[in-house]
Amino acid sequence: MNRWLALAHKLSFDSCHRREQMAAVIVRGGAVLSLASNHSKRYGHAEARALSRAKDVEGATVYVMRKNKLTSKPCPNCRQLLIEAGIAKAVYVNVDGHVEIERLR
C-alpha cells in the first residue's frame, strides 16, 4: 500500500459514519492538497468534502479508502465532481484491498 492510501486508511477511522467509513487524500507533485473523511450522507462523501476544501486540484490524483464497501468504484456524483474539478487520476481501494485505478483525464 502506498503512503497516500495508508494516509487515507488512517483518516478513514475518523469517519463518524460507521457503515461506510471512507477517506480521500488529494495529492499533486508529492504534496497533499486536501484530505477528508466522510461523516454522514448529509455532509457528503469523502471525495466531495476533500474537493470542497481544496483550491486548485488540476492534474492531481485522489486516493480513496473505502473500508466497509466491497466495491472500489466511486459513486456517479463523486466521479463527476472529480472530473469537473480536473482530477487526473482516481485510486480506490476497498475493504478487501482491491485497488482500482481510473484515469479521469
C-alpha atoms as a PDB file:
ATOM      1  CA  MET A   1       0.000   0.000   0.000  1.00  0.00           C
ATOM      2  CA  ASN A   2       1.496   3.351  -0.928  1.00  0.00           C
ATOM      3  CA  ARG A   3       1.794   6.156   1.590  1.00  0.00           C
ATOM      4  CA  TRP A   4      -1.213   8.104   0.280  1.00  0.00           C
ATOM      5  CA  LEU A   5      -3.503   5.083   0.553  1.00  0.00           C
ATOM      6  CA  ALA A   6      -2.054   4.431   4.008  1.00  0.00           C
ATOM      7  CA  LEU A   7      -2.897   8.027   4.964  1.00  0.00           C
ATOM      8  CA  ALA A   8      -6.445   7.611   3.600  1.00  0.00           C
ATOM      9  CA  HIS A   9      -6.780   4.364   5.560  1.00  0.00           C
ATOM     10  CA  LYS A  10      -5.714   6.064   8.789  1.00  0.00           C
ATOM     11  CA  LEU A  11      -8.010   9.028   8.137  1.00  0.00           C
ATOM     12  CA  SER A  12     -10.983   6.735   7.486  1.00  0.00           C
ATOM     13  CA  PHE A  13     -11.013   5.867  11.200  1.00  0.00           C
ATOM     14  CA  ASP A  14     -12.110   9.484  11.832  1.00  0.00           C
ATOM     15  CA  SER A  15     -15.334   8.878   9.922  1.00  0.00           C
ATOM     16  CA  CYS A  16     -18.448   9.081  12.071  1.00  0.00           C
ATOM     17  CA  HIS A  17     -20.346   7.016   9.516  1.00  0.00           C
ATOM     18  CA  ARG A  18     -19.527   3.515  10.783  1.00  0.00           C
ATOM     19  CA  ARG A  19     -21.257   1.623   7.957  1.00  0.00           C
ATOM     20  CA  GLU A  20     -19.406   3.494   5.217  1.00  0.00           C
ATOM     21  CA  GLN A  21     -16.049   4.562   6.605  1.00  0.00           C
ATOM     22  CA  MET A  22     -14.051   6.262   3.892  1.00  0.00           C
ATOM     23  CA  ALA A  23     -11.466   8.949   3.375  1.00  0.00           C
ATOM     24  CA  ALA A  24      -9.939  10.804   0.435  1.00  0.00           C
ATOM     25  CA  VAL A  25      -6.500  12.339   0.007  1.00  0.00           C
ATOM     26  CA  ILE A  26      -5.829  14.635  -2.961  1.00  0.00           C
ATOM     27  CA  VAL A  27      -2.159  14.765  -3.985  1.00  0.00           C
ATOM     28  CA  ARG A  28      -0.160  16.555  -6.678  1.00  0.00           C
ATOM     29  CA  GLY A  29       3.595  16.556  -7.070  1.00  0.00           C
ATOM     30  CA  GLY A  30       4.139  14.703  -3.815  1.00  0.00           C
ATOM     31  CA  ALA A  31       2.201  17.256  -1.749  1.00  0.00           C
ATOM     32  CA  VAL A  32      -1.156  16.796  -0.066  1.00  0.00           C
ATOM     33  CA  LEU A  33      -3.608  19.391  -1.390  1.00  0.00           C
ATOM     34  CA  SER A  34      -6.593  18.281   0.680  1.00  0.00           C
ATOM     35  CA  LEU A  35      -7.949  15.418   2.729  1.00  0.00           C
ATOM     36  CA  ALA A  36     -11.240  14.485   4.305  1.00  0.00           C
ATOM     37  CA  SER A  37     -13.267  11.627   5.705  1.00  0.00           C
ATOM     38  CA  ASN A  38     -16.983  11.212   5.325  1.00  0.00           C
ATOM     39  CA  HIS A  39     -19.068  11.978   8.378  1.00  0.00           C
ATOM     40  CA  SER A  40     -22.568  11.214   7.170  1.00  0.00           C
ATOM     41  CA  LYS A  41     -24.576  11.181   3.975  1.00  0.00           C
ATOM     42  CA  ARG A  42     -25.880  14.585   4.993  1.00  0.00           C
ATOM     43  CA  TYR A  43     -22.428  16.146   4.778  1.00  0.00           C
ATOM     44  CA  GLY A  44     -21.250  14.298   1.696  1.00  0.00           C
ATOM     45  CA  HIS A  45     -18.773  11.683   0.661  1.00  0.00           C
ATOM     46  CA  ALA A  46     -15.082  11.956   1.398  1.00  0.00           C
ATOM     47  CA  GLU A  47     -14.219  12.854  -2.218  1.00  0.00           C
ATOM     48  CA  ALA A  48     -16.695  15.748  -2.270  1.00  0.00           C
ATOM     49  CA  ARG A  49     -15.547  17.007   1.133  1.00  0.00           C
ATOM     50  CA  ALA A  50     -11.876  16.893   0.100  1.00  0.00           C
ATOM     51  CA  LEU A  51     -12.665  18.781  -3.117  1.00  0.00           C
ATOM     52  CA  SER A  52     -14.584  21.443  -1.193  1.00  0.00           C
ATOM     53  CA  ARG A  53     -11.502  22.094   0.963  1.00  0.00           C
ATOM     54  CA  ALA A  54      -9.060  22.397  -1.953  1.00  0.00           C
ATOM     55  CA  LYS A  55      -8.332  25.406  -4.127  1.00  0.00           C
ATOM     56  CA  ASP A  56      -6.646  24.025  -7.263  1.00  0.00           C
ATOM     57  CA  VAL A  57      -6.608  20.301  -7.944  1.00  0.00           C
ATOM     58  CA  GLU A  58      -5.986  20.382 -11.703  1.00  0.00           C
ATOM     59  CA  GLY A  59      -3.948  17.311 -12.663  1.00  0.00           C
ATOM     60  CA  ALA A  60      -3.942  15.857  -9.141  1.00  0.00           C
ATOM     61  CA  THR A  61      -4.575  12.287  -8.011  1.00  0.00           C
ATOM     62  CA  VAL A  62      -7.182  11.349  -5.421  1.00  0.00           C
ATOM     63  CA  TYR A  63      -6.604   8.316  -3.196  1.00  0.00           C
ATOM     64  CA  VAL A  64      -9.761   6.921  -1.601  1.00  0.00           C
ATOM     65  CA  MET A  65     -10.059   4.245   1.076  1.00  0.00           C
ATOM     66  CA  ARG A  66     -13.482   2.587   1.351  1.00  0.00           C
ATOM     67  CA  LYS A  67     -13.170   0.391   4.428  1.00  0.00           C
ATOM     68  CA  ASN A  68     -16.621  -1.134   4.665  1.00  0.00           C
ATOM     69  CA  LYS A  69     -17.500  -1.496   0.995  1.00  0.00           C
ATOM     70  CA  LEU A  70     -16.821  -4.370  -1.346  1.00  0.00           C
ATOM     71  CA  THR A  71     -16.884  -2.028  -4.324  1.00  0.00           C
ATOM     72  CA  SER A  72     -13.937   0.155  -5.133  1.00  0.00           C
ATOM     73  CA  LYS A  73     -15.794   2.367  -7.589  1.00  0.00           C
ATOM     74  CA  PRO A  74     -16.846   5.947  -6.840  1.00  0.00           C
ATOM     75  CA  CYS A  75     -20.496   6.889  -6.856  1.00  0.00           C
ATOM     76  CA  PRO A  76     -21.584   8.647 -10.078  1.00  0.00           C
ATOM     77  CA  ASN A  77     -21.894  12.034  -8.355  1.00  0.00           C
ATOM     78  CA  CYS A  78     -18.393  11.918  -6.877  1.00  0.00           C
ATOM     79  CA  ARG A  79     -16.923  10.702 -10.164  1.00  0.00           C
ATOM     80  CA  GLN A  80     -18.478  13.676 -11.961  1.00  0.00           C
ATOM     81  CA  LEU A  81     -17.222  16.105  -9.292  1.00  0.00           C
ATOM     82  CA  LEU A  82     -13.693  14.719  -9.647  1.00  0.00           C
ATOM     83  CA  ILE A  83     -13.790  15.111 -13.423  1.00  0.00           C
ATOM     84  CA  GLU A  84     -15.177  18.654 -13.256  1.00  0.00           C
ATOM     85  CA  ALA A  85     -12.508  19.651 -10.719  1.00  0.00           C
ATOM     86  CA  GLY A  86      -9.732  18.483 -13.046  1.00  0.00           C
ATOM     87  CA  ILE A  87      -8.566  15.432 -11.090  1.00  0.00           C
ATOM     88  CA  ALA A  88      -6.396  13.380 -13.455  1.00  0.00           C
ATOM     89  CA  LYS A  89      -6.467  10.011 -11.698  1.00  0.00           C
ATOM     90  CA  ALA A  90      -8.508   8.277  -9.013  1.00  0.00           C
ATOM     91  CA  VAL A  91      -7.109   5.403  -6.955  1.00  0.00           C
ATOM     92  CA  TYR A  92      -9.695   3.482  -4.935  1.00  0.00           C
ATOM     93  CA  VAL A  93      -9.128   0.631  -2.516  1.00  0.00           C
ATOM     94  CA  ASN A  94     -11.885  -1.336  -0.798  1.00  0.00           C
ATOM     95  CA  VAL A  95     -12.142  -3.422   2.359  1.00  0.00           C
ATOM     96  CA  ASP A  96     -10.634  -6.469   0.616  1.00  0.00           C
ATOM     97  CA  GLY A  97      -7.598  -4.487  -0.510  1.00  0.00           C
ATOM     98  CA  HIS A  98      -8.702  -4.458  -4.152  1.00  0.00           C
ATOM     99  CA  VAL A  99      -7.163  -1.403  -5.808  1.00  0.00           C
ATOM    100  CA  GLU A 100      -8.761   0.187  -8.838  1.00  0.00           C
ATOM    101  CA  ILE A 101      -7.093   2.996 -10.754  1.00  0.00           C
ATOM    102  CA  GLU A 102      -9.048   5.151 -13.161  1.00  0.00           C
ATOM    103  CA  ARG A 103      -7.700   7.839 -15.447  1.00  0.00           C
ATOM    104  CA  LEU A 104     -10.222  10.674 -15.428  1.00  0.00           C
ATOM    105  CA  ARG A 105      -8.452  12.970 -17.888  1.00  0.00           C
END
